[in-house]
């Protein structure tokens, strides 16, 4: 036992212990949820999430995109057409991003498309999925960091089931690669 106020030296984990640890944790899914929108900072958040997931045992990326609800009260056919078009565009974008992530780090991504408010959709996702490891958000470079960053770093932050990582939108991808 070390003296009072002294830090005990850490013992190195034996190779066989490390292998057992990795095998027992390999079955775990550790999802890095990243919000996909049309902002430039979204690219930085995706880059960070994919790099971090690739360096985490059981890590994977979940791409989350929220679509606004179509409101054509008396025009049901127009509402259905608008919804179908939005879903098709979202699926195309998400497939493209998932392919890029796979090409970059070799991971397959989960795609989540939510119709409605992104805050509500994310809160439901975080509350209902015990494999979520972190929520990754990109912050704007000037002015307000963005509504989701403000929301998830504000009042609700202390009650979330996972950490929130805010990636500055001005970070260079090479710098992100060094951090993850």
C-alpha atoms as a PDB file:
ATOM      1  CA  UNK A   1       0.000   0.000   0.000  1.00  0.00           C
ATOM      2  CA  UNK A   2       1.437   3.419  -0.908  1.00  0.00           C
ATOM      3  CA  UNK A   3       2.126   6.059   1.669  1.00  0.00           C
ATOM      4  CA  UNK A   4      -0.542   8.660   2.401  1.00  0.00           C
ATOM      5  CA  UNK A   5      -0.625  11.174  -0.462  1.00  0.00           C
ATOM      6  CA  UNK A   6       1.402   8.967  -2.818  1.00  0.00           C
ATOM      7  CA  UNK A   7      -0.019   7.439  -5.964  1.00  0.00           C
ATOM      8  CA  UNK A   8       0.383   3.700  -6.347  1.00  0.00           C
ATOM      9  CA  UNK A   9       2.064   2.660  -9.597  1.00  0.00           C
ATOM     10  CA  UNK A  10      -0.268   1.083 -12.132  1.00  0.00           C
ATOM     11  CA  UNK A  11       0.490  -2.487 -13.041  1.00  0.00           C
ATOM     12  CA  UNK A  12       0.469  -3.346 -16.692  1.00  0.00           C
ATOM     13  CA  UNK A  13      -2.330  -5.623 -17.849  1.00  0.00           C
ATOM     14  CA  UNK A  14      -0.942  -8.956 -19.013  1.00  0.00           C
ATOM     15  CA  UNK A  15      -1.440  -9.765 -22.679  1.00  0.00           C
ATOM     16  CA  UNK A  16      -3.839 -12.633 -21.899  1.00  0.00           C
ATOM     17  CA  UNK A  17      -5.864 -10.380 -19.573  1.00  0.00           C
ATOM     18  CA  UNK A  18      -6.048  -7.726 -22.284  1.00  0.00           C
ATOM     19  CA  UNK A  19      -7.272 -10.302 -24.809  1.00  0.00           C
ATOM     20  CA  UNK A  20      -9.969 -11.529 -22.370  1.00  0.00           C
ATOM     21  CA  UNK A  21     -11.029  -7.935 -21.726  1.00  0.00           C
ATOM     22  CA  UNK A  22     -11.252  -7.171 -25.439  1.00  0.00           C
ATOM     23  CA  UNK A  23     -13.186 -10.365 -26.182  1.00  0.00           C
ATOM     24  CA  UNK A  24     -15.666  -9.770 -23.371  1.00  0.00           C
ATOM     25  CA  UNK A  25     -16.265  -6.211 -24.542  1.00  0.00           C
ATOM     26  CA  UNK A  26     -16.230  -6.915 -28.288  1.00  0.00           C
ATOM     27  CA  UNK A  27     -19.856  -8.045 -28.154  1.00  0.00           C
ATOM     28  CA  UNK A  28     -20.865  -4.617 -26.860  1.00  0.00           C
ATOM     29  CA  UNK A  29     -22.078  -2.033 -29.298  1.00  0.00           C
ATOM     30  CA  UNK A  30     -20.956   1.439 -28.437  1.00  0.00           C
ATOM     31  CA  UNK A  31     -22.905   3.765 -30.678  1.00  0.00           C
ATOM     32  CA  UNK A  32     -21.702   7.232 -31.495  1.00  0.00           C
ATOM     33  CA  UNK A  33     -24.845   9.085 -32.561  1.00  0.00           C
ATOM     34  CA  UNK A  34     -24.097  11.905 -34.974  1.00  0.00           C
ATOM     35  CA  UNK A  35     -26.710  14.323 -36.264  1.00  0.00           C
ATOM     36  CA  UNK A  36     -26.794  14.709 -40.021  1.00  0.00           C
ATOM     37  CA  UNK A  37     -28.017  18.040 -41.320  1.00  0.00           C
ATOM     38  CA  UNK A  38     -27.031  20.380 -44.115  1.00  0.00           C
ATOM     39  CA  UNK A  39     -24.507  22.393 -42.089  1.00  0.00           C
ATOM     40  CA  UNK A  40     -20.735  22.505 -42.681  1.00  0.00           C
ATOM     41  CA  UNK A  41     -20.090  21.581 -39.035  1.00  0.00           C
ATOM     42  CA  UNK A  42     -21.951  18.324 -39.590  1.00  0.00           C
ATOM     43  CA  UNK A  43     -19.002  17.101 -41.688  1.00  0.00           C
ATOM     44  CA  UNK A  44     -16.629  17.697 -38.757  1.00  0.00           C
ATOM     45  CA  UNK A  45     -18.935  15.865 -36.349  1.00  0.00           C
ATOM     46  CA  UNK A  46     -19.179  12.872 -38.709  1.00  0.00           C
ATOM     47  CA  UNK A  47     -15.391  12.824 -39.119  1.00  0.00           C
ATOM     48  CA  UNK A  48     -14.908  12.887 -35.344  1.00  0.00           C
ATOM     49  CA  UNK A  49     -17.581  10.252 -34.644  1.00  0.00           C
ATOM     50  CA  UNK A  50     -16.271   7.829 -37.252  1.00  0.00           C
ATOM     51  CA  UNK A  51     -12.669   8.182 -36.094  1.00  0.00           C
ATOM     52  CA  UNK A  52     -13.611   7.800 -32.446  1.00  0.00           C
ATOM     53  CA  UNK A  53     -15.840   4.782 -33.150  1.00  0.00           C
ATOM     54  CA  UNK A  54     -13.040   3.109 -35.111  1.00  0.00           C
ATOM     55  CA  UNK A  55     -10.758   3.414 -32.075  1.00  0.00           C
ATOM     56  CA  UNK A  56     -13.330   2.109 -29.573  1.00  0.00           C
ATOM     57  CA  UNK A  57     -13.938  -1.572 -28.882  1.00  0.00           C
ATOM     58  CA  UNK A  58     -17.407  -2.282 -30.273  1.00  0.00           C
ATOM     59  CA  UNK A  59     -17.638   1.254 -31.675  1.00  0.00           C
ATOM     60  CA  UNK A  60     -20.016   2.098 -34.468  1.00  0.00           C
ATOM     61  CA  UNK A  61     -21.584   5.197 -35.942  1.00  0.00           C
ATOM     62  CA  UNK A  62     -25.303   5.866 -35.991  1.00  0.00           C
ATOM     63  CA  UNK A  63     -26.313   8.587 -38.421  1.00  0.00           C
ATOM     64  CA  UNK A  64     -29.430  10.461 -37.281  1.00  0.00           C
ATOM     65  CA  UNK A  65     -31.424  12.728 -39.594  1.00  0.00           C
ATOM     66  CA  UNK A  66     -34.664  14.464 -38.694  1.00  0.00           C
ATOM     67  CA  UNK A  67     -37.186  15.349 -41.369  1.00  0.00           C
ATOM     68  CA  UNK A  68     -39.796  18.017 -40.753  1.00  0.00           C
ATOM     69  CA  UNK A  69     -43.368  16.806 -40.827  1.00  0.00           C
ATOM     70  CA  UNK A  70     -45.193  17.817 -43.981  1.00  0.00           C
ATOM     71  CA  UNK A  71     -48.327  19.855 -43.292  1.00  0.00           C
ATOM     72  CA  UNK A  72     -50.748  20.003 -46.183  1.00  0.00           C
ATOM     73  CA  UNK A  73     -53.993  19.823 -44.258  1.00  0.00           C
ATOM     74  CA  UNK A  74     -56.370  19.386 -47.180  1.00  0.00           C
ATOM     75  CA  UNK A  75     -53.951  17.943 -49.681  1.00  0.00           C
ATOM     76  CA  UNK A  76     -53.178  14.421 -48.465  1.00  0.00           C
ATOM     77  CA  UNK A  77     -51.721  13.367 -51.822  1.00  0.00           C
ATOM     78  CA  UNK A  78     -49.370  16.382 -51.834  1.00  0.00           C
ATOM     79  CA  UNK A  79     -48.328  15.611 -48.251  1.00  0.00           C
ATOM     80  CA  UNK A  80     -47.601  11.978 -49.126  1.00  0.00           C
ATOM     81  CA  UNK A  81     -45.598  13.015 -52.182  1.00  0.00           C
ATOM     82  CA  UNK A  82     -43.571  15.562 -50.193  1.00  0.00           C
ATOM     83  CA  UNK A  83     -42.907  12.990 -47.450  1.00  0.00           C
ATOM     84  CA  UNK A  84     -41.830  10.325 -49.959  1.00  0.00           C
ATOM     85  CA  UNK A  85     -39.505  12.781 -51.682  1.00  0.00           C
ATOM     86  CA  UNK A  86     -37.941  13.895 -48.381  1.00  0.00           C
ATOM     87  CA  UNK A  87     -37.416  10.266 -47.288  1.00  0.00           C
ATOM     88  CA  UNK A  88     -35.837   9.354 -50.636  1.00  0.00           C
ATOM     89  CA  UNK A  89     -33.445  12.319 -50.417  1.00  0.00           C
ATOM     90  CA  UNK A  90     -32.576  11.466 -46.800  1.00  0.00           C
ATOM     91  CA  UNK A  91     -31.955   7.811 -47.635  1.00  0.00           C
ATOM     92  CA  UNK A  92     -29.701   8.786 -50.548  1.00  0.00           C
ATOM     93  CA  UNK A  93     -27.715  11.210 -48.373  1.00  0.00           C
ATOM     94  CA  UNK A  94     -27.399   8.729 -45.507  1.00  0.00           C
ATOM     95  CA  UNK A  95     -26.308   5.911 -47.820  1.00  0.00           C
ATOM     96  CA  UNK A  96     -23.655   8.186 -49.299  1.00  0.00           C
ATOM     97  CA  UNK A  97     -22.388   9.168 -45.837  1.00  0.00           C
ATOM     98  CA  UNK A  98     -22.410   5.567 -44.605  1.00  0.00           C
ATOM     99  CA  UNK A  99     -20.346   4.570 -47.653  1.00  0.00           C
ATOM    100  CA  UNK A 100     -17.858   7.378 -46.976  1.00  0.00           C
ATOM    101  CA  UNK A 101     -17.538   6.296 -43.333  1.00  0.00           C
ATOM    102  CA  UNK A 102     -16.945   2.700 -44.381  1.00  0.00           C
ATOM    103  CA  UNK A 103     -14.316   3.775 -46.918  1.00  0.00           C
ATOM    104  CA  UNK A 104     -12.629   6.017 -44.321  1.00  0.00           C
ATOM    105  CA  UNK A 105     -12.551   3.760 -41.234  1.00  0.00           C
ATOM    106  CA  UNK A 106     -14.008   0.389 -42.284  1.00  0.00           C
ATOM    107  CA  UNK A 107     -17.151   0.583 -40.134  1.00  0.00           C
ATOM    108  CA  UNK A 108     -20.722   0.028 -41.216  1.00  0.00           C
ATOM    109  CA  UNK A 109     -23.112   2.710 -39.998  1.00  0.00           C
ATOM    110  CA  UNK A 110     -26.620   2.502 -38.679  1.00  0.00           C
ATOM    111  CA  UNK A 111     -29.033   4.912 -40.370  1.00  0.00           C
ATOM    112  CA  UNK A 112     -31.855   6.499 -38.379  1.00  0.00           C
ATOM    113  CA  UNK A 113     -34.372   8.772 -40.078  1.00  0.00           C
ATOM    114  CA  UNK A 114     -36.872  10.464 -37.791  1.00  0.00           C
ATOM    115  CA  UNK A 115     -39.895  12.436 -38.907  1.00  0.00           C
ATOM    116  CA  UNK A 116     -40.522  15.333 -36.563  1.00  0.00           C
ATOM    117  CA  UNK A 117     -38.640  17.540 -34.151  1.00  0.00           C
ATOM    118  CA  UNK A 118     -34.934  16.578 -33.944  1.00  0.00           C
ATOM    119  CA  UNK A 119     -34.715  17.317 -30.210  1.00  0.00           C
ATOM    120  CA  UNK A 120     -37.641  15.034 -29.434  1.00  0.00           C
ATOM    121  CA  UNK A 121     -36.358  12.326 -31.769  1.00  0.00           C
ATOM    122  CA  UNK A 122     -32.894  12.395 -30.226  1.00  0.00           C
ATOM    123  CA  UNK A 123     -34.264  12.350 -26.683  1.00  0.00           C
ATOM    124  CA  UNK A 124     -36.390   9.294 -27.553  1.00  0.00           C
ATOM    125  CA  UNK A 125     -33.402   7.595 -29.152  1.00  0.00           C
ATOM    126  CA  UNK A 126     -31.098   8.300 -26.207  1.00  0.00           C
ATOM    127  CA  UNK A 127     -33.685   7.143 -23.670  1.00  0.00           C
ATOM    128  CA  UNK A 128     -34.580   3.984 -25.558  1.00  0.00           C
ATOM    129  CA  UNK A 129     -31.193   2.652 -26.658  1.00  0.00           C
ATOM    130  CA  UNK A 130     -28.786   1.464 -23.985  1.00  0.00           C
ATOM    131  CA  UNK A 131     -26.001   0.977 -26.555  1.00  0.00           C
ATOM    132  CA  UNK A 132     -25.568   4.731 -27.097  1.00  0.00           C
ATOM    133  CA  UNK A 133     -22.071   5.675 -26.012  1.00  0.00           C
ATOM    134  CA  UNK A 134     -22.062   9.369 -26.966  1.00  0.00           C
ATOM    135  CA  UNK A 135     -24.011  12.030 -28.832  1.00  0.00           C
ATOM    136  CA  UNK A 136     -21.746  13.909 -31.244  1.00  0.00           C
ATOM    137  CA  UNK A 137     -22.802  17.410 -32.309  1.00  0.00           C
ATOM    138  CA  UNK A 138     -21.077  19.946 -34.528  1.00  0.00           C
ATOM    139  CA  UNK A 139     -20.951  23.583 -33.383  1.00  0.00           C
ATOM    140  CA  UNK A 140     -21.152  26.533 -35.764  1.00  0.00           C
ATOM    141  CA  UNK A 141     -18.052  28.682 -36.048  1.00  0.00           C
ATOM    142  CA  UNK A 142     -19.712  32.070 -35.529  1.00  0.00           C
ATOM    143  CA  UNK A 143     -22.522  33.315 -33.335  1.00  0.00           C
ATOM    144  CA  UNK A 144     -24.837  30.765 -31.797  1.00  0.00           C
ATOM    145  CA  UNK A 145     -23.410  27.208 -31.838  1.00  0.00           C
ATOM    146  CA  UNK A 146     -26.733  25.912 -33.169  1.00  0.00           C
ATOM    147  CA  UNK A 147     -30.061  24.884 -31.646  1.00  0.00           C
ATOM    148  CA  UNK A 148     -29.127  21.268 -30.900  1.00  0.00           C
ATOM    149  CA  UNK A 149     -25.821  22.226 -29.283  1.00  0.00           C
ATOM    150  CA  UNK A 150     -27.604  24.822 -27.161  1.00  0.00           C
ATOM    151  CA  UNK A 151     -30.335  22.360 -26.177  1.00  0.00           C
ATOM    152  CA  UNK A 152     -28.137  19.357 -25.350  1.00  0.00           C
ATOM    153  CA  UNK A 153     -25.504  21.419 -23.530  1.00  0.00           C
ATOM    154  CA  UNK A 154     -28.159  23.348 -21.589  1.00  0.00           C
ATOM    155  CA  UNK A 155     -30.851  22.312 -19.137  1.00  0.00           C
ATOM    156  CA  UNK A 156     -31.136  18.680 -20.261  1.00  0.00           C
ATOM    157  CA  UNK A 157     -27.391  17.967 -20.198  1.00  0.00           C
ATOM    158  CA  UNK A 158     -27.300  16.814 -16.589  1.00  0.00           C
ATOM    159  CA  UNK A 159     -30.016  14.212 -17.152  1.00  0.00           C
ATOM    160  CA  UNK A 160     -28.782  12.603 -20.361  1.00  0.00           C
ATOM    161  CA  UNK A 161     -27.847   8.909 -20.366  1.00  0.00           C
ATOM    162  CA  UNK A 162     -24.594   9.553 -22.263  1.00  0.00           C
ATOM    163  CA  UNK A 163     -21.938  12.210 -22.758  1.00  0.00           C
ATOM    164  CA  UNK A 164     -22.378  14.926 -25.373  1.00  0.00           C
ATOM    165  CA  UNK A 165     -19.333  15.721 -27.494  1.00  0.00           C
ATOM    166  CA  UNK A 166     -19.353  19.116 -29.181  1.00  0.00           C
ATOM    167  CA  UNK A 167     -17.026  19.281 -32.159  1.00  0.00           C
ATOM    168  CA  UNK A 168     -16.047  22.828 -33.149  1.00  0.00           C
ATOM    169  CA  UNK A 169     -16.990  23.428 -36.767  1.00  0.00           C
ATOM    170  CA  UNK A 170     -13.688  25.159 -37.437  1.00  0.00           C
ATOM    171  CA  UNK A 171     -11.509  22.154 -36.631  1.00  0.00           C
ATOM    172  CA  UNK A 172      -9.355  20.901 -39.462  1.00  0.00           C
ATOM    173  CA  UNK A 173      -9.955  17.213 -40.381  1.00  0.00           C
ATOM    174  CA  UNK A 174      -6.252  16.460 -39.862  1.00  0.00           C
ATOM    175  CA  UNK A 175      -6.475  17.882 -36.347  1.00  0.00           C
ATOM    176  CA  UNK A 176      -9.548  15.733 -35.686  1.00  0.00           C
ATOM    177  CA  UNK A 177      -7.618  12.674 -36.861  1.00  0.00           C
ATOM    178  CA  UNK A 178      -4.896  13.410 -34.309  1.00  0.00           C
ATOM    179  CA  UNK A 179      -7.463  13.675 -31.503  1.00  0.00           C
ATOM    180  CA  UNK A 180      -9.435  10.522 -32.162  1.00  0.00           C
END
